[in-house]
C-alpha atoms as a PDB file:
ATOM      1  CA  MET A   1       0.000   0.000   0.000  1.00  0.00           C
ATOM      2  CA  ALA A   2       1.455   3.359  -1.044  1.00  0.00           C
ATOM      3  CA  ILE A   3       1.780   6.116   1.538  1.00  0.00           C
ATOM      4  CA  ILE A   4       0.287   9.380   0.302  1.00  0.00           C
ATOM      5  CA  ASN A   5       1.766  12.637   1.523  1.00  0.00           C
ATOM      6  CA  GLU A   6      -1.135  14.696   2.861  1.00  0.00           C
ATOM      7  CA  ARG A   7       0.714  17.931   1.947  1.00  0.00           C
ATOM      8  CA  LEU A   8       0.487  16.858  -1.705  1.00  0.00           C
ATOM      9  CA  LEU A   9      -3.271  16.309  -1.449  1.00  0.00           C
ATOM     10  CA  TYR A  10      -3.868  19.497   0.502  1.00  0.00           C
ATOM     11  CA  PRO A  11      -0.958  21.818  -0.276  1.00  0.00           C
ATOM     12  CA  SER A  12      -0.171  24.583   2.147  1.00  0.00           C
ATOM     13  CA  TYR A  13      -0.463  28.069   0.706  1.00  0.00           C
ATOM     14  CA  GLU A  14      -1.094  31.644   1.700  1.00  0.00           C
ATOM     15  CA  ILE A  15      -2.876  34.421  -0.196  1.00  0.00           C
ATOM     16  CA  ILE A  16      -1.348  37.903  -0.278  1.00  0.00           C
ATOM     17  CA  GLY A  17      -2.850  40.610  -2.484  1.00  0.00           C
ATOM     18  CA  GLY A  18      -5.000  38.025  -4.251  1.00  0.00           C
ATOM     19  CA  GLU A  19      -1.941  35.966  -5.244  1.00  0.00           C
ATOM     20  CA  LYS A  20      -1.351  32.408  -3.993  1.00  0.00           C
ATOM     21  CA  PHE A  21       2.045  31.563  -2.454  1.00  0.00           C
ATOM     22  CA  MET A  22       3.085  28.019  -1.571  1.00  0.00           C
ATOM     23  CA  SER A  23       4.459  27.575   1.938  1.00  0.00           C
ATOM     24  CA  PRO A  24       7.635  25.513   2.279  1.00  0.00           C
ATOM     25  CA  ALA A  25       7.846  22.675   4.796  1.00  0.00           C
ATOM     26  CA  ALA A  26       9.339  23.661   8.139  1.00  0.00           C
ATOM     27  CA  THR A  27      12.812  22.588   9.260  1.00  0.00           C
ATOM     28  CA  LEU A  28      13.252  20.549  12.434  1.00  0.00           C
ATOM     29  CA  THR A  29      14.643  23.590  14.275  1.00  0.00           C
ATOM     30  CA  HIS A  30      11.619  25.643  13.210  1.00  0.00           C
ATOM     31  CA  SER A  31       9.216  22.893  14.314  1.00  0.00           C
ATOM     32  CA  ASP A  32      11.011  22.460  17.638  1.00  0.00           C
ATOM     33  CA  ILE A  33      10.752  26.191  18.442  1.00  0.00           C
ATOM     34  CA  ILE A  34       7.045  26.280  17.593  1.00  0.00           C
ATOM     35  CA  GLY A  35       6.398  23.034  19.472  1.00  0.00           C
ATOM     36  CA  ARG A  36       7.992  24.423  22.618  1.00  0.00           C
ATOM     37  CA  LEU A  37       6.004  27.657  22.431  1.00  0.00           C
ATOM     38  CA  TYR A  38       2.822  25.694  21.763  1.00  0.00           C
ATOM     39  CA  LEU A  39       3.398  23.595  24.879  1.00  0.00           C
ATOM     40  CA  PHE A  40       4.388  26.512  27.114  1.00  0.00           C
ATOM     41  CA  ILE A  41       1.628  28.914  26.069  1.00  0.00           C
ATOM     42  CA  GLY A  42      -0.928  26.115  25.626  1.00  0.00           C
ATOM     43  CA  ASN A  43      -0.396  24.831  29.173  1.00  0.00           C
ATOM     44  CA  HIS A  44      -0.915  28.330  30.541  1.00  0.00           C
ATOM     45  CA  LEU A  45      -4.091  28.842  28.504  1.00  0.00           C
ATOM     46  CA  MET A  46      -5.488  25.467  29.626  1.00  0.00           C
ATOM     47  CA  GLU A  47      -4.714  26.136  33.286  1.00  0.00           C
ATOM     48  CA  GLN A  48      -6.330  29.573  33.102  1.00  0.00           C
ATOM     49  CA  LYS A  49      -9.107  28.450  30.700  1.00  0.00           C
ATOM     50  CA  SER A  50      -8.387  31.711  28.909  1.00  0.00           C
ATOM     51  CA  GLY A  51      -7.878  30.900  25.234  1.00  0.00           C
ATOM     52  CA  TYR A  52      -6.509  28.764  22.432  1.00  0.00           C
ATOM     53  CA  VAL A  53      -3.173  28.274  20.685  1.00  0.00           C
ATOM     54  CA  TYR A  54      -2.739  27.007  17.112  1.00  0.00           C
ATOM     55  CA  THR A  55       0.186  26.126  14.877  1.00  0.00           C
ATOM     56  CA  ASP A  56       0.748  26.554  11.143  1.00  0.00           C
ATOM     57  CA  ASN A  57      -1.867  24.036  10.084  1.00  0.00           C
ATOM     58  CA  VAL A  58      -4.678  26.566  10.652  1.00  0.00           C
ATOM     59  CA  ASP A  59      -5.944  29.092   8.095  1.00  0.00           C
ATOM     60  CA  VAL A  60      -6.284  32.676   9.280  1.00  0.00           C
ATOM     61  CA  HIS A  61      -8.580  34.704   6.989  1.00  0.00           C
ATOM     62  CA  PHE A  62      -8.448  38.489   7.183  1.00  0.00           C
ATOM     63  CA  SER A  63     -11.105  40.942   6.001  1.00  0.00           C
ATOM     64  CA  ASP A  64      -8.889  42.168   3.121  1.00  0.00           C
ATOM     65  CA  GLY A  65      -8.874  38.690   1.527  1.00  0.00           C
ATOM     66  CA  THR A  66      -5.450  37.757   2.888  1.00  0.00           C
ATOM     67  CA  LEU A  67      -4.994  34.153   4.017  1.00  0.00           C
ATOM     68  CA  PHE A  68      -2.075  33.313   6.293  1.00  0.00           C
ATOM     69  CA  LYS A  69      -0.928  30.221   8.138  1.00  0.00           C
ATOM     70  CA  PRO A  70       1.032  31.777  11.002  1.00  0.00           C
ATOM     71  CA  ASP A  71       3.627  29.553  12.623  1.00  0.00           C
ATOM     72  CA  LEU A  72       1.733  30.027  15.889  1.00  0.00           C
ATOM     73  CA  CYS A  73      -1.236  32.131  16.927  1.00  0.00           C
ATOM     74  CA  VAL A  74      -3.168  32.713  20.117  1.00  0.00           C
ATOM     75  CA  VAL A  75      -6.855  33.545  20.353  1.00  0.00           C
ATOM     76  CA  LEU A  76      -8.093  34.654  23.755  1.00  0.00           C
ATOM     77  CA  LYS A  77     -11.452  33.437  25.056  1.00  0.00           C
ATOM     78  CA  ALA A  78     -12.867  36.970  24.767  1.00  0.00           C
ATOM     79  CA  ASN A  79     -12.101  36.873  21.022  1.00  0.00           C
ATOM     80  CA  GLU A  80     -13.251  33.294  20.310  1.00  0.00           C
ATOM     81  CA  LYS A  81     -16.020  34.442  17.947  1.00  0.00           C
ATOM     82  CA  ILE A  82     -13.339  34.535  15.208  1.00  0.00           C
ATOM     83  CA  LEU A  83     -12.930  30.734  15.464  1.00  0.00           C
ATOM     84  CA  ALA A  84     -15.902  30.273  13.088  1.00  0.00           C
ATOM     85  CA  GLY A  85     -17.164  26.869  14.125  1.00  0.00           C
ATOM     86  CA  ARG A  86     -13.613  25.659  14.739  1.00  0.00           C
ATOM     87  CA  LYS A  87     -12.882  25.228  11.029  1.00  0.00           C
ATOM     88  CA  ALA A  88     -10.630  28.259  10.572  1.00  0.00           C
ATOM     89  CA  ILE A  89      -9.898  31.677  12.057  1.00  0.00           C
ATOM     90  CA  PHE A  90     -11.777  34.608  10.515  1.00  0.00           C
ATOM     91  CA  GLY A  91     -10.277  37.768  11.959  1.00  0.00           C
ATOM     92  CA  ALA A  92      -7.242  38.885  13.923  1.00  0.00           C
ATOM     93  CA  PRO A  93      -5.713  36.492  16.462  1.00  0.00           C
ATOM     94  CA  ASP A  94      -4.553  38.220  19.634  1.00  0.00           C
ATOM     95  CA  MET A  95      -0.956  37.092  19.092  1.00  0.00           C
ATOM     96  CA  VAL A  96       1.010  35.782  16.110  1.00  0.00           C
ATOM     97  CA  VAL A  97       4.488  34.233  15.989  1.00  0.00           C
ATOM     98  CA  GLU A  98       6.517  33.772  12.807  1.00  0.00           C
ATOM     99  CA  VAL A  99       9.844  31.928  12.701  1.00  0.00           C
ATOM    100  CA  LEU A 100      12.166  33.309  10.056  1.00  0.00           C
ATOM    101  CA  SER A 101      13.525  31.079   7.315  1.00  0.00           C
ATOM    102  CA  LYS A 102      15.542  32.014   4.254  1.00  0.00           C
ATOM    103  CA  SER A 103      12.466  31.689   2.032  1.00  0.00           C
ATOM    104  CA  THR A 104       9.990  33.569   4.290  1.00  0.00           C
ATOM    105  CA  ARG A 105      12.244  36.151   5.978  1.00  0.00           C
ATOM    106  CA  ARG A 106      11.359  39.102   3.755  1.00  0.00           C
ATOM    107  CA  ASN A 107       7.582  38.557   3.951  1.00  0.00           C
ATOM    108  CA  ASP A 108       7.639  37.960   7.726  1.00  0.00           C
ATOM    109  CA  LEU A 109       9.541  41.221   8.329  1.00  0.00           C
ATOM    110  CA  THR A 110       7.576  43.395   5.900  1.00  0.00           C
ATOM    111  CA  ILE A 111       4.331  42.312   4.234  1.00  0.00           C
ATOM    112  CA  LYS A 112       3.090  40.052   7.016  1.00  0.00           C
ATOM    113  CA  LYS A 113       4.068  42.507   9.726  1.00  0.00           C
ATOM    114  CA  ASP A 114       2.191  45.283   7.907  1.00  0.00           C
ATOM    115  CA  ILE A 115      -0.920  43.135   7.415  1.00  0.00           C
ATOM    116  CA  TYR A 116      -0.919  41.879  11.019  1.00  0.00           C
ATOM    117  CA  GLU A 117      -0.662  45.508  12.142  1.00  0.00           C
ATOM    118  CA  ALA A 118      -3.458  46.707   9.817  1.00  0.00           C
ATOM    119  CA  GLN A 119      -5.733  43.817  10.843  1.00  0.00           C
ATOM    120  CA  GLY A 120      -5.273  44.448  14.581  1.00  0.00           C
ATOM    121  CA  VAL A 121      -3.067  41.582  15.845  1.00  0.00           C
ATOM    122  CA  HIS A 122      -2.092  42.851  19.318  1.00  0.00           C
ATOM    123  CA  GLU A 123       1.266  41.104  19.683  1.00  0.00           C
ATOM    124  CA  TYR A 124       3.674  39.951  16.968  1.00  0.00           C
ATOM    125  CA  TRP A 125       6.817  37.924  17.650  1.00  0.00           C
ATOM    126  CA  ILE A 126       9.455  37.425  14.971  1.00  0.00           C
ATOM    127  CA  ILE A 127      11.845  34.628  15.901  1.00  0.00           C
ATOM    128  CA  ASP A 128      15.236  34.371  14.237  1.00  0.00           C
ATOM    129  CA  PRO A 129      16.476  30.803  14.859  1.00  0.00           C
ATOM    130  CA  TYR A 130      19.932  31.577  13.406  1.00  0.00           C
ATOM    131  CA  MET A 131      20.609  34.507  15.736  1.00  0.00           C
ATOM    132  CA  LYS A 132      18.572  32.952  18.580  1.00  0.00           C
ATOM    133  CA  ALA A 133      16.699  36.220  18.883  1.00  0.00           C
ATOM    134  CA  ILE A 134      13.076  37.238  19.344  1.00  0.00           C
ATOM    135  CA  SER A 135      11.778  40.661  18.293  1.00  0.00           C
ATOM    136  CA  VAL A 136       8.490  41.644  19.915  1.00  0.00           C
ATOM    137  CA  TYR A 137       6.060  44.194  18.461  1.00  0.00           C
ATOM    138  CA  LEU A 138       3.013  45.452  20.347  1.00  0.00           C
ATOM    139  CA  LEU A 139       0.014  47.223  18.831  1.00  0.00           C
ATOM    140  CA  ARG A 140      -0.824  50.641  20.264  1.00  0.00           C
ATOM    141  CA  ASP A 141      -3.330  52.989  18.649  1.00  0.00           C
ATOM    142  CA  GLY A 142      -3.354  50.860  15.498  1.00  0.00           C
ATOM    143  CA  LYS A 143       0.443  50.899  15.009  1.00  0.00           C
ATOM    144  CA  TYR A 144       3.178  48.439  15.918  1.00  0.00           C
ATOM    145  CA  PHE A 145       5.820  49.640  18.310  1.00  0.00           C
ATOM    146  CA  PHE A 146       9.022  47.710  18.805  1.00  0.00           C
ATOM    147  CA  ASP A 147       8.863  46.478  22.393  1.00  0.00           C
ATOM    148  CA  ASP A 148      12.197  44.702  22.776  1.00  0.00           C
ATOM    149  CA  GLU A 149      14.604  42.135  21.381  1.00  0.00           C
ATOM    150  CA  TYR A 150      15.472  39.066  23.418  1.00  0.00           C
ATOM    151  CA  ILE A 151      18.685  37.183  22.581  1.00  0.00           C
ATOM    152  CA  LEU A 152      20.088  33.886  23.826  1.00  0.00           C
ATOM    153  CA  PHE A 153      23.834  34.401  24.199  1.00  0.00           C
ATOM    154  CA  ASP A 154      26.217  31.477  24.412  1.00  0.00           C
ATOM    155  CA  GLU A 155      28.905  31.674  27.129  1.00  0.00           C
ATOM    156  CA  GLU A 156      31.593  33.060  24.829  1.00  0.00           C
ATOM    157  CA  GLU A 157      29.304  35.778  23.416  1.00  0.00           C
ATOM    158  CA  PHE A 158      28.106  36.693  26.909  1.00  0.00           C
ATOM    159  CA  GLU A 159      31.671  37.092  28.197  1.00  0.00           C
ATOM    160  CA  GLN A 160      32.421  39.548  25.384  1.00  0.00           C
ATOM    161  CA  LEU A 161      29.679  41.903  26.591  1.00  0.00           C
ATOM    162  CA  THR A 162      30.475  44.864  28.818  1.00  0.00           C
ATOM    163  CA  ASP A 163      29.176  44.802  32.393  1.00  0.00           C
ATOM    164  CA  GLU A 164      26.540  47.334  31.386  1.00  0.00           C
ATOM    165  CA  GLU A 165      25.404  45.148  28.464  1.00  0.00           C
ATOM    166  CA  LYS A 166      25.346  42.031  30.674  1.00  0.00           C
ATOM    167  CA  ALA A 167      23.079  43.828  33.155  1.00  0.00           C
ATOM    168  CA  LYS A 168      20.557  44.496  30.359  1.00  0.00           C
ATOM    169  CA  VAL A 169      20.332  40.873  29.152  1.00  0.00           C
ATOM    170  CA  LYS A 170      16.854  39.467  29.633  1.00  0.00           C
ATOM    171  CA  TYR A 171      16.309  35.736  30.122  1.00  0.00           C
ATOM    172  CA  GLU A 172      12.535  35.606  29.677  1.00  0.00           C
ATOM    173  CA  VAL A 173      10.162  36.961  27.046  1.00  0.00           C
ATOM    174  CA  PRO A 174       6.919  38.343  28.512  1.00  0.00           C
ATOM    175  CA  VAL A 175       3.711  37.529  26.656  1.00  0.00           C
ATOM    176  CA  SER A 176       1.927  40.863  26.932  1.00  0.00           C
ATOM    177  CA  ILE A 177      -1.544  39.494  26.109  1.00  0.00           C
ATOM    178  CA  LEU A 178      -1.228  36.973  28.969  1.00  0.00           C
ATOM    179  CA  GLU A 179      -0.532  38.853  32.173  1.00  0.00           C
ATOM    180  CA  GLY A 180       2.326  37.390  34.172  1.00  0.00           C
ATOM    181  CA  LEU A 181       3.391  34.800  31.579  1.00  0.00           C
ATOM    182  CA  LYS A 182       7.073  34.869  30.663  1.00  0.00           C
ATOM    183  CA  VAL A 183       8.749  32.316  28.399  1.00  0.00           C
ATOM    184  CA  PRO A 184      12.399  31.453  29.181  1.00  0.00           C
ATOM    185  CA  ILE A 185      14.544  32.166  26.111  1.00  0.00           C
ATOM    186  CA  GLU A 186      16.691  29.110  26.768  1.00  0.00           C
ATOM    187  CA  PHE A 187      13.572  26.924  26.678  1.00  0.00           C
ATOM    188  CA  ILE A 188      12.534  28.331  23.280  1.00  0.00           C
ATOM    189  CA  PHE A 189      15.895  27.621  21.663  1.00  0.00           C
ATOM    190  CA  SER A 190      16.694  24.308  23.380  1.00  0.00           C
ATOM    191  CA  TRP A 191      17.212  21.277  21.187  1.00  0.00           C
ATOM    192  CA  GLY A 192      15.873  17.942  22.386  1.00  0.00           C
ATOM    193  CA  TYR A 193      14.613  17.261  25.908  1.00  0.00           C
END
C-alpha cells in the first residue's frame, strides 16, 4: 500500500494581495521552536481556561482577503467568535508568531508585519532561529511599536559583553496578552529534551 503525503493532497499556501504563495515545509529547528512555544503557552491557557493556541496548520482569513498560516497564533477566550465553528480563524488572532527562514524572511519582516498591524493583531513575535533572537512588536493605537529584542547568548558571546550590556540581558520573554506569563529564552531555543 502506497503512503500518500497529505501535503500533496492538501498543499499549504497563503494568499497575499490576491496571489497564492506556496508555503515551504518547516525545518526541524523551526518545528522544535514552535512546538515548545505551543506547549508553554498552551499549558498556561489550559490552566487559566483563557484561550486557544494554534500552529501553522490553521488558516487565518483576514477581512482584506489575505490568508495566512502563522507559525503560531493565540486567540483569547474573549475573542473566540473569530474561530468560526472551529474550522478556521476569521479575523485577527490576539498574538502571532513567525519563525524566520531564508524563504519567508522578507515577507515575515515586511508584508506580514504590515498586514498583522493593519488587521489588529495585538502582539507579533518574529523569531530568528539563526541569531537565537526574538523581536516583539506590540500594537498601540493601530500601530506596531518595537517592544524589545530578546537574545540567547552562548557563554563566549556573553563574556564579550560589557558589564553594562550584561546587566541588560533578559532571560525571559513576557507575553503581553497573557498577564504574568514569561517564556524562558533558553527553553525556546533548546534542542531535544
